C-alpha atoms as a PDB file:
ATOM      1  CA  UNK A   1      -1.869  13.233 -23.730  1.00  0.00           C
ATOM      2  CA  UNK A   2       1.504  13.884 -22.135  1.00  0.00           C
ATOM      3  CA  UNK A   3      -0.124  13.950 -18.696  1.00  0.00           C
ATOM      4  CA  UNK A   4      -1.970  10.706 -19.435  1.00  0.00           C
ATOM      5  CA  UNK A   5       1.315   9.065 -20.433  1.00  0.00           C
ATOM      6  CA  UNK A   6       2.854  10.276 -17.166  1.00  0.00           C
ATOM      7  CA  UNK A   7      -0.005   9.316 -14.843  1.00  0.00           C
ATOM      8  CA  UNK A   8      -1.775   6.243 -16.195  1.00  0.00           C
ATOM      9  CA  UNK A   9       0.988   3.622 -16.718  1.00  0.00           C
ATOM     10  CA  UNK A  10       2.278   3.744 -13.130  1.00  0.00           C
ATOM     11  CA  UNK A  11      -1.280   3.971 -11.812  1.00  0.00           C
ATOM     12  CA  UNK A  12      -2.165   0.859 -13.806  1.00  0.00           C
ATOM     13  CA  UNK A  13       0.900  -0.948 -12.433  1.00  0.00           C
ATOM     14  CA  UNK A  14       0.001  -0.053  -8.844  1.00  0.00           C
ATOM     15  CA  UNK A  15      -3.640  -1.052  -9.348  1.00  0.00           C
ATOM     16  CA  UNK A  16      -2.742  -4.439 -10.855  1.00  0.00           C
ATOM     17  CA  UNK A  17      -0.095  -5.145  -8.194  1.00  0.00           C
ATOM     18  CA  UNK A  18      -2.442  -4.358  -5.310  1.00  0.00           C
ATOM     19  CA  UNK A  19      -5.431  -6.199  -6.804  1.00  0.00           C
ATOM     20  CA  UNK A  20      -3.672  -9.307  -8.132  1.00  0.00           C
ATOM     21  CA  UNK A  21      -0.779  -9.760  -5.693  1.00  0.00           C
ATOM     22  CA  UNK A  22      -1.416  -8.063  -2.349  1.00  0.00           C
ATOM     23  CA  UNK A  23      -5.188  -8.483  -2.354  1.00  0.00           C
ATOM     24  CA  UNK A  24      -5.162 -12.291  -2.658  1.00  0.00           C
ATOM     25  CA  UNK A  25      -2.533 -12.514   0.099  1.00  0.00           C
ATOM     26  CA  UNK A  26      -4.463 -10.407   2.622  1.00  0.00           C
ATOM     27  CA  UNK A  27      -8.101 -11.191   1.820  1.00  0.00           C
ATOM     28  CA  UNK A  28     -10.023 -13.281   4.320  1.00  0.00           C
ATOM     29  CA  UNK A  29     -12.343 -14.563   1.584  1.00  0.00           C
ATOM     30  CA  UNK A  30     -11.838 -17.675  -0.536  1.00  0.00           C
ATOM     31  CA  UNK A  31      -9.921 -16.740  -3.677  1.00  0.00           C
ATOM     32  CA  UNK A  32     -12.801 -17.850  -5.890  1.00  0.00           C
ATOM     33  CA  UNK A  33     -15.091 -15.398  -4.122  1.00  0.00           C
ATOM     34  CA  UNK A  34     -12.419 -12.689  -4.137  1.00  0.00           C
ATOM     35  CA  UNK A  35     -11.719 -12.835  -7.877  1.00  0.00           C
ATOM     36  CA  UNK A  36     -15.380 -12.951  -8.881  1.00  0.00           C
ATOM     37  CA  UNK A  37     -16.519 -10.139  -6.602  1.00  0.00           C
ATOM     38  CA  UNK A  38     -17.864  -6.986  -8.310  1.00  0.00           C
ATOM     39  CA  UNK A  39     -15.780  -5.026  -5.783  1.00  0.00           C
ATOM     40  CA  UNK A  40     -12.639  -6.687  -7.172  1.00  0.00           C
ATOM     41  CA  UNK A  41     -13.572  -5.995 -10.781  1.00  0.00           C
ATOM     42  CA  UNK A  42     -14.526  -2.364 -10.132  1.00  0.00           C
ATOM     43  CA  UNK A  43     -11.134  -1.779  -8.478  1.00  0.00           C
ATOM     44  CA  UNK A  44      -9.535  -1.780 -11.942  1.00  0.00           C
ATOM     45  CA  UNK A  45     -11.493   1.364 -12.809  1.00  0.00           C
ATOM     46  CA  UNK A  46      -8.770   3.159 -10.847  1.00  0.00           C
ATOM     47  CA  UNK A  47      -6.707   2.931 -14.024  1.00  0.00           C
ATOM     48  CA  UNK A  48      -9.020   5.379 -15.809  1.00  0.00           C
ATOM     49  CA  UNK A  49      -9.386   7.720 -12.829  1.00  0.00           C
ATOM     50  CA  UNK A  50     -12.655   6.343 -11.420  1.00  0.00           C
ATOM     51  CA  UNK A  51     -11.239   5.658  -7.999  1.00  0.00           C
ATOM     52  CA  UNK A  52     -12.252   2.701  -5.822  1.00  0.00           C
ATOM     53  CA  UNK A  53     -10.568   2.323  -2.474  1.00  0.00           C
ATOM     54  CA  UNK A  54     -11.387  -1.163  -1.207  1.00  0.00           C
ATOM     55  CA  UNK A  55     -10.914  -4.793  -2.157  1.00  0.00           C
ATOM     56  CA  UNK A  56     -13.180  -7.644  -0.999  1.00  0.00           C
ATOM     57  CA  UNK A  57     -12.183  -9.047   2.369  1.00  0.00           C
ATOM     58  CA  UNK A  58      -8.980  -6.992   2.634  1.00  0.00           C
ATOM     59  CA  UNK A  59      -8.315  -5.267   6.000  1.00  0.00           C
ATOM     60  CA  UNK A  60     -11.986  -5.194   6.875  1.00  0.00           C
ATOM     61  CA  UNK A  61     -13.065  -3.017   3.975  1.00  0.00           C
ATOM     62  CA  UNK A  62     -10.780  -0.130   4.942  1.00  0.00           C
ATOM     63  CA  UNK A  63      -9.357   2.129   2.253  1.00  0.00           C
ATOM     64  CA  UNK A  64      -6.239   0.772   0.583  1.00  0.00           C
ATOM     65  CA  UNK A  65      -5.587   3.768  -1.648  1.00  0.00           C
ATOM     66  CA  UNK A  66      -6.776   6.870   0.166  1.00  0.00           C
ATOM     67  CA  UNK A  67      -4.012   8.894  -1.500  1.00  0.00           C
ATOM     68  CA  UNK A  68      -5.667   8.403  -4.909  1.00  0.00           C
ATOM     69  CA  UNK A  69      -8.437  10.865  -4.062  1.00  0.00           C
ATOM     70  CA  UNK A  70      -6.382  13.514  -5.887  1.00  0.00           C
ATOM     71  CA  UNK A  71      -6.348  11.649  -9.228  1.00  0.00           C
ATOM     72  CA  UNK A  72      -9.876  12.648 -10.413  1.00  0.00           C
ATOM     73  CA  UNK A  73      -9.113  16.224  -9.379  1.00  0.00           C
ATOM     74  CA  UNK A  74      -5.921  16.176 -11.452  1.00  0.00           C
ATOM     75  CA  UNK A  75      -7.875  14.990 -14.477  1.00  0.00           C
ATOM     76  CA  UNK A  76     -10.381  17.799 -13.909  1.00  0.00           C
ATOM     77  CA  UNK A  77      -7.473  20.263 -13.875  1.00  0.00           C
ATOM     78  CA  UNK A  78      -6.362  19.133 -17.328  1.00  0.00           C
ATOM     79  CA  UNK A  79      -9.940  19.222 -18.587  1.00  0.00           C
ATOM     80  CA  UNK A  80     -10.303  22.783 -17.268  1.00  0.00           C
ATOM     81  CA  UNK A  81      -7.105  23.795 -19.051  1.00  0.00           C
ATOM     82  CA  UNK A  82      -8.375  22.307 -22.321  1.00  0.00           C
ATOM     83  CA  UNK A  83     -11.659  24.208 -22.013  1.00  0.00           C
ATOM     84  CA  UNK A  84      -9.872  27.473 -21.193  1.00  0.00           C
ATOM     85  CA  UNK A  85      -7.630  27.032 -24.219  1.00  0.00           C
ATOM     86  CA  UNK A  86     -10.605  26.289 -26.486  1.00  0.00           C
ATOM     87  CA  UNK A  87     -12.376  29.515 -25.491  1.00  0.00           C
ATOM     88  CA  UNK A  88      -9.148  31.503 -25.790  1.00  0.00           C
ATOM     89  CA  UNK A  89      -8.904  32.457 -22.104  1.00  0.00           C
ATOM     90  CA  UNK A  90      -5.262  31.461 -21.847  1.00  0.00           C
ATOM     91  CA  UNK A  91      -4.365  33.834 -24.702  1.00  0.00           C
ATOM     92  CA  UNK A  92      -5.607  36.863 -22.737  1.00  0.00           C
ATOM     93  CA  UNK A  93      -3.623  36.740 -19.553  1.00  0.00           C
ATOM     94  CA  UNK A  94      -4.856  40.029 -18.099  1.00  0.00           C
ATOM     95  CA  UNK A  95      -8.484  38.990 -18.505  1.00  0.00           C
ATOM     96  CA  UNK A  96      -7.723  35.520 -17.192  1.00  0.00           C
ATOM     97  CA  UNK A  97      -5.925  36.917 -14.140  1.00  0.00           C
ATOM     98  CA  UNK A  98      -8.683  39.419 -13.390  1.00  0.00           C
ATOM     99  CA  UNK A  99     -11.337  36.740 -13.677  1.00  0.00           C
ATOM    100  CA  UNK A 100      -9.392  34.413 -11.390  1.00  0.00           C
ATOM    101  CA  UNK A 101      -8.945  37.177  -8.802  1.00  0.00           C
ATOM    102  CA  UNK A 102     -12.632  38.102  -8.811  1.00  0.00           C
ATOM    103  CA  UNK A 103     -13.564  34.438  -8.521  1.00  0.00           C
ATOM    104  CA  UNK A 104     -11.186  33.994  -5.562  1.00  0.00           C
ATOM    105  CA  UNK A 105     -12.744  36.930  -3.734  1.00  0.00           C
ATOM    106  CA  UNK A 106     -16.252  35.718  -4.491  1.00  0.00           C
ATOM    107  CA  UNK A 107     -15.554  32.202  -3.254  1.00  0.00           C
ATOM    108  CA  UNK A 108     -13.915  33.619  -0.130  1.00  0.00           C
ATOM    109  CA  UNK A 109     -16.946  35.782   0.650  1.00  0.00           C
ATOM    110  CA  UNK A 110     -19.207  32.777   0.054  1.00  0.00           C
ATOM    111  CA  UNK A 111     -17.085  30.582   2.354  1.00  0.00           C
ATOM    112  CA  UNK A 112     -17.147  33.189   5.131  1.00  0.00           C
ATOM    113  CA  UNK A 113     -20.903  33.510   4.765  1.00  0.00           C
ATOM    114  CA  UNK A 114     -21.294  29.733   4.997  1.00  0.00           C
ATOM    115  CA  UNK A 115     -19.979  29.977   8.549  1.00  0.00           C
ATOM    116  CA  UNK A 116     -17.392  27.207   8.503  1.00  0.00           C
ATOM    117  CA  UNK A 117     -15.032  28.410  11.230  1.00  0.00           C
ATOM    118  CA  UNK A 118     -13.230  25.122  11.885  1.00  0.00           C
ATOM    119  CA  UNK A 119      -9.464  25.615  11.828  1.00  0.00           C
ATOM    120  CA  UNK A 120      -7.496  23.210   9.646  1.00  0.00           C
ATOM    121  CA  UNK A 121     -10.658  21.851   8.030  1.00  0.00           C
ATOM    122  CA  UNK A 122     -10.096  19.417   5.199  1.00  0.00           C
ATOM    123  CA  UNK A 123      -9.896  21.214   1.878  1.00  0.00           C
ATOM    124  CA  UNK A 124     -11.978  20.099  -1.062  1.00  0.00           C
ATOM    125  CA  UNK A 125     -10.738  19.123  -4.488  1.00  0.00           C
ATOM    126  CA  UNK A 126     -11.998  22.381  -5.972  1.00  0.00           C
ATOM    127  CA  UNK A 127      -9.327  24.240  -4.005  1.00  0.00           C
ATOM    128  CA  UNK A 128      -6.725  22.110  -5.760  1.00  0.00           C
ATOM    129  CA  UNK A 129      -8.211  22.970  -9.145  1.00  0.00           C
ATOM    130  CA  UNK A 130      -8.149  26.654  -8.246  1.00  0.00           C
ATOM    131  CA  UNK A 131      -4.509  26.348  -7.185  1.00  0.00           C
ATOM    132  CA  UNK A 132      -3.768  24.685 -10.517  1.00  0.00           C
ATOM    133  CA  UNK A 133      -5.357  27.618 -12.344  1.00  0.00           C
ATOM    134  CA  UNK A 134      -3.232  29.992 -10.253  1.00  0.00           C
ATOM    135  CA  UNK A 135      -0.229  28.055 -11.491  1.00  0.00           C
ATOM    136  CA  UNK A 136      -1.460  28.539 -15.066  1.00  0.00           C
ATOM    137  CA  UNK A 137      -1.620  32.276 -14.367  1.00  0.00           C
ATOM    138  CA  UNK A 138       1.981  32.256 -13.145  1.00  0.00           C
ATOM    139  CA  UNK A 139       2.988  30.478 -16.328  1.00  0.00           C
ATOM    140  CA  UNK A 140       1.256  33.121 -18.427  1.00  0.00           C
ATOM    141  CA  UNK A 141       3.183  35.857 -16.561  1.00  0.00           C
ATOM    142  CA  UNK A 142       6.485  33.963 -16.422  1.00  0.00           C
ATOM    143  CA  UNK A 143       8.225  36.826 -18.215  1.00  0.00           C
ATOM    144  CA  UNK A 144       7.429  39.203 -15.338  1.00  0.00           C
ATOM    145  CA  UNK A 145       7.416  37.043 -12.195  1.00  0.00           C
ATOM    146  CA  UNK A 146      10.934  36.526 -10.766  1.00  0.00           C
ATOM    147  CA  UNK A 147      12.291  33.309  -9.329  1.00  0.00           C
ATOM    148  CA  UNK A 148      13.151  34.910  -5.998  1.00  0.00           C
ATOM    149  CA  UNK A 149      13.985  33.247  -2.685  1.00  0.00           C
ATOM    150  CA  UNK A 150      12.541  36.106  -0.626  1.00  0.00           C
ATOM    151  CA  UNK A 151       9.285  35.976  -2.538  1.00  0.00           C
ATOM    152  CA  UNK A 152       9.230  32.204  -2.030  1.00  0.00           C
ATOM    153  CA  UNK A 153       9.590  32.580   1.752  1.00  0.00           C
ATOM    154  CA  UNK A 154       6.920  35.285   1.892  1.00  0.00           C
ATOM    155  CA  UNK A 155       4.558  33.132  -0.201  1.00  0.00           C
ATOM    156  CA  UNK A 156       5.214  30.149   2.045  1.00  0.00           C
ATOM    157  CA  UNK A 157       4.315  32.102   5.191  1.00  0.00           C
ATOM    158  CA  UNK A 158       1.270  33.677   3.544  1.00  0.00           C
ATOM    159  CA  UNK A 159       0.049  30.304   2.312  1.00  0.00           C
ATOM    160  CA  UNK A 160       0.440  28.795   5.788  1.00  0.00           C
ATOM    161  CA  UNK A 161      -1.592  31.634   7.286  1.00  0.00           C
ATOM    162  CA  UNK A 162      -4.369  31.534   4.700  1.00  0.00           C
ATOM    163  CA  UNK A 163      -4.658  27.744   4.857  1.00  0.00           C
ATOM    164  CA  UNK A 164      -5.244  27.868   8.592  1.00  0.00           C
ATOM    165  CA  UNK A 165      -8.931  28.400   7.858  1.00  0.00           C
ATOM    166  CA  UNK A 166     -11.000  26.867   5.116  1.00  0.00           C
ATOM    167  CA  UNK A 167     -12.665  30.208   4.315  1.00  0.00           C
ATOM    168  CA  UNK A 168      -9.430  31.721   2.980  1.00  0.00           C
ATOM    169  CA  UNK A 169      -8.197  28.609   1.172  1.00  0.00           C
ATOM    170  CA  UNK A 170      -9.039  30.030  -2.254  1.00  0.00           C
ATOM    171  CA  UNK A 171      -6.898  33.092  -1.573  1.00  0.00           C
ATOM    172  CA  UNK A 172      -4.105  30.734  -0.534  1.00  0.00           C
ATOM    173  CA  UNK A 173      -4.073  29.289  -4.053  1.00  0.00           C
ATOM    174  CA  UNK A 174      -1.899  32.131  -5.348  1.00  0.00           C
ATOM    175  CA  UNK A 175       0.986  31.870  -2.832  1.00  0.00           C
ATOM    176  CA  UNK A 176       0.693  28.061  -2.945  1.00  0.00           C
ATOM    177  CA  UNK A 177       1.098  28.187  -6.712  1.00  0.00           C
ATOM    178  CA  UNK A 178       4.191  30.390  -6.427  1.00  0.00           C
ATOM    179  CA  UNK A 179       5.738  28.090  -3.803  1.00  0.00           C
ATOM    180  CA  UNK A 180       5.098  25.079  -6.038  1.00  0.00           C
ATOM    181  CA  UNK A 181       6.465  26.718  -9.189  1.00  0.00           C
ATOM    182  CA  UNK A 182       9.492  28.089  -7.322  1.00  0.00           C
ATOM    183  CA  UNK A 183      10.367  24.622  -6.044  1.00  0.00           C
ATOM    184  CA  UNK A 184       9.812  23.088  -9.466  1.00  0.00           C
ATOM    185  CA  UNK A 185      12.026  25.678 -11.145  1.00  0.00           C
ATOM    186  CA  UNK A 186      14.981  25.184  -8.780  1.00  0.00           C
ATOM    187  CA  UNK A 187      16.038  22.215 -10.946  1.00  0.00           C
ATOM    188  CA  UNK A 188      17.541  20.110  -8.145  1.00  0.00           C
ATOM    189  CA  UNK A 189      20.064  17.378  -8.840  1.00  0.00           C
ATOM    190  CA  UNK A 190      18.380  14.265 -10.154  1.00  0.00           C
ATOM    191  CA  UNK A 191      18.138  11.139  -8.038  1.00  0.00           C
ATOM    192  CA  UNK A 192      20.448   8.520  -9.595  1.00  0.00           C
ATOM    193  CA  UNK A 193      17.790   5.797  -9.397  1.00  0.00           C
ATOM    194  CA  UNK A 194      15.202   7.701 -11.450  1.00  0.00           C
ATOM    195  CA  UNK A 195      12.133   9.839 -10.831  1.00  0.00           C
ATOM    196  CA  UNK A 196      10.633   7.973  -7.877  1.00  0.00           C
ATOM    197  CA  UNK A 197       8.317  10.649  -6.472  1.00  0.00           C
ATOM    198  CA  UNK A 198       5.151   9.530  -8.273  1.00  0.00           C
ATOM    199  CA  UNK A 199       5.784   5.889  -7.463  1.00  0.00           C
ATOM    200  CA  UNK A 200       6.280   6.656  -3.772  1.00  0.00           C
ATOM    201  CA  UNK A 201       3.006   8.606  -3.843  1.00  0.00           C
ATOM    202  CA  UNK A 202       1.198   5.614  -5.358  1.00  0.00           C
ATOM    203  CA  UNK A 203       2.630   2.825  -3.217  1.00  0.00           C
ATOM    204  CA  UNK A 204       3.211   4.245   0.247  1.00  0.00           C
ATOM    205  CA  UNK A 205      -0.372   4.129   1.508  1.00  0.00           C
ATOM    206  CA  UNK A 206      -1.216   0.478   0.705  1.00  0.00           C
ATOM    207  CA  UNK A 207       2.150  -0.558   2.133  1.00  0.00           C
ATOM    208  CA  UNK A 208       1.454   1.306   5.385  1.00  0.00           C
ATOM    209  CA  UNK A 209      -2.106  -0.050   5.679  1.00  0.00           C
ATOM    210  CA  UNK A 210      -1.098  -3.645   5.034  1.00  0.00           C
ATOM    211  CA  UNK A 211       1.885  -3.350   7.400  1.00  0.00           C
ATOM    212  CA  UNK A 212      -0.452  -2.153  10.127  1.00  0.00           C
ATOM    213  CA  UNK A 213      -2.750  -5.080   9.353  1.00  0.00           C
ATOM    214  CA  UNK A 214       0.169  -7.399  10.117  1.00  0.00           C
ATOM    215  CA  UNK A 215       1.738  -5.732  13.146  1.00  0.00           C
ATOM    216  CA  UNK A 216      -1.073  -3.598  14.577  1.00  0.00           C
ATOM    217  CA  UNK A 217      -0.160  -1.302  17.445  1.00  0.00           C
ATOM    218  CA  UNK A 218       2.881  -3.384  18.403  1.00  0.00           C
ATOM    219  CA  UNK A 219       5.180  -1.132  16.357  1.00  0.00           C
ATOM    220  CA  UNK A 220       5.963   2.547  16.791  1.00  0.00           C
ATOM    221  CA  UNK A 221       5.676   5.232  14.140  1.00  0.00           C
ATOM    222  CA  UNK A 222       9.454   5.227  13.410  1.00  0.00           C
ATOM    223  CA  UNK A 223       9.270   1.458  12.936  1.00  0.00           C
ATOM    224  CA  UNK A 224       6.445   1.772  10.421  1.00  0.00           C
ATOM    225  CA  UNK A 225       8.374   4.519   8.662  1.00  0.00           C
ATOM    226  CA  UNK A 226      11.406   2.234   8.478  1.00  0.00           C
ATOM    227  CA  UNK A 227       9.226  -0.445   6.878  1.00  0.00           C
ATOM    228  CA  UNK A 228       7.229   1.732   4.500  1.00  0.00           C
ATOM    229  CA  UNK A 229      10.001   3.939   3.100  1.00  0.00           C
ATOM    230  CA  UNK A 230      12.313   1.275   1.638  1.00  0.00           C
ATOM    231  CA  UNK A 231       9.399  -0.817   0.349  1.00  0.00           C
ATOM    232  CA  UNK A 232       7.801   2.260  -1.242  1.00  0.00           C
ATOM    233  CA  UNK A 233      11.119   3.225  -2.837  1.00  0.00           C
ATOM    234  CA  UNK A 234      11.613  -0.310  -4.137  1.00  0.00           C
ATOM    235  CA  UNK A 235       8.156  -0.411  -5.723  1.00  0.00           C
ATOM    236  CA  UNK A 236       8.647   3.087  -7.119  1.00  0.00           C
ATOM    237  CA  UNK A 237      11.974   2.031  -8.637  1.00  0.00           C
ATOM    238  CA  UNK A 238      10.358  -0.976 -10.324  1.00  0.00           C
ATOM    239  CA  UNK A 239       7.564   1.208 -11.638  1.00  0.00           C
ATOM    240  CA  UNK A 240       9.992   3.829 -12.967  1.00  0.00           C
ATOM    241  CA  UNK A 241      12.494   1.372 -14.459  1.00  0.00           C
ATOM    242  CA  UNK A 242      10.125  -1.073 -16.141  1.00  0.00           C
ATOM    243  CA  UNK A 243       6.921   0.943 -16.730  1.00  0.00           C
ATOM    244  CA  UNK A 244       7.256   4.729 -16.606  1.00  0.00           C
ATOM    245  CA  UNK A 245      10.694   5.365 -18.129  1.00  0.00           C
ATOM    246  CA  UNK A 246      10.271   3.103 -21.192  1.00  0.00           C
ATOM    247  CA  UNK A 247       7.009   4.869 -22.042  1.00  0.00           C
ATOM    248  CA  UNK A 248       8.344   8.373 -21.440  1.00  0.00           C
ATOM    249  CA  UNK A 249      11.418   7.650 -23.567  1.00  0.00           C
ATOM    250  CA  UNK A 250       9.085   6.998 -26.504  1.00  0.00           C
ATOM    251  CA  UNK A 251       6.510   9.678 -25.695  1.00  0.00           C
ATOM    252  CA  UNK A 252       7.355  11.750 -28.774  1.00  0.00           C
ATOM    253  CA  UNK A 253       6.803   8.750 -31.024  1.00  0.00           C
ATOM    254  CA  UNK A 254       3.541   7.938 -29.236  1.00  0.00           C
ATOM    255  CA  UNK A 255       2.260  11.500 -29.607  1.00  0.00           C
ATOM    256  CA  UNK A 256       3.319  11.553 -33.268  1.00  0.00           C
ATOM    257  CA  UNK A 257       1.446   8.298 -33.897  1.00  0.00           C
ATOM    258  CA  UNK A 258      -1.711   9.671 -32.244  1.00  0.00           C
ATOM    259  CA  UNK A 259      -1.475  12.861 -34.309  1.00  0.00           C
ATOM    260  CA  UNK A 260      -1.027  10.849 -37.518  1.00  0.00           C
ATOM    261  CA  UNK A 261      -4.091   8.750 -36.714  1.00  0.00           C
ATOM    262  CA  UNK A 262      -6.140  11.887 -35.995  1.00  0.00           C
ATOM    263  CA  UNK A 263      -4.951  13.479 -39.242  1.00  0.00           C
ATOM    264  CA  UNK A 264      -5.818  10.344 -41.204  1.00  0.00           C
ATOM    265  CA  UNK A 265      -9.319  10.295 -39.726  1.00  0.00           C
ATOM    266  CA  UNK A 266      -9.856  13.933 -40.673  1.00  0.00           C
ATOM    267  CA  UNK A 267      -8.862  13.107 -44.237  1.00  0.00           C
ATOM    268  CA  UNK A 268     -11.086  10.017 -44.411  1.00  0.00           C
ATOM    269  CA  UNK A 269     -14.178  11.605 -42.804  1.00  0.00           C
ATOM    270  CA  UNK A 270     -15.113  13.988 -45.704  1.00  0.00           C
ATOM    271  CA  UNK A 271     -14.733  11.261 -48.320  1.00  0.00           C
ATOM    272  CA  UNK A 272     -16.797   8.852 -46.198  1.00  0.00           C
ATOM    273  CA  UNK A 273     -19.516  11.490 -45.952  1.00  0.00           C
END
């Protein structure tokens, strides 16, 4: 529930802004056709993680939100964690770690046997899920794994080497997880304008695509960067200030309310039966 409260509100804001504000400005279709199109209506399924990338008549049907391909994978990560907790796997860290290691080796052997030798091939979402599970393993062994700069550098180099080829991407999950956790645990100084990282992730791609639709190849990469960065930061600030932060401030109350409703239903169910 905490992850839903962190992900969904800003995602809903971005989806509504793109569909109801930017879409009508850039579509080549009459607005009556645009707003009644099934493609327009299905775009709002992005809010629940069923990702749709296009809007009717906008930039020739090209993807507006290619960065959202990770969202369903993230939801699968949380579902996997729930299932592991239900079967008790996360309470037996040695067994969990051994199983994850055997699975990594098996998937690596399978990938090598499949014969995909293309360097820098695009990685699938399952690699992200596996990396997430490697992060869970690090959490389970947090009392033994040090937060060490030398280990971070070694993990970074090892991850870069293993990710060079798709076949070893599952083995790369372990050093990638350490690099990610190490960075997250450094506790850097907070940005004074709020936590803008998620908002920048959500807004940068549609801003870049629509900017290119306006200017085409007449601008250089630095020029597009100069356009996209401040606009992405501005949208991220609005999302954080008016959507994300107010919800996160009250997350404990929201969770408590959900728990009280669930408890009430458990009490009512036997008497109803």
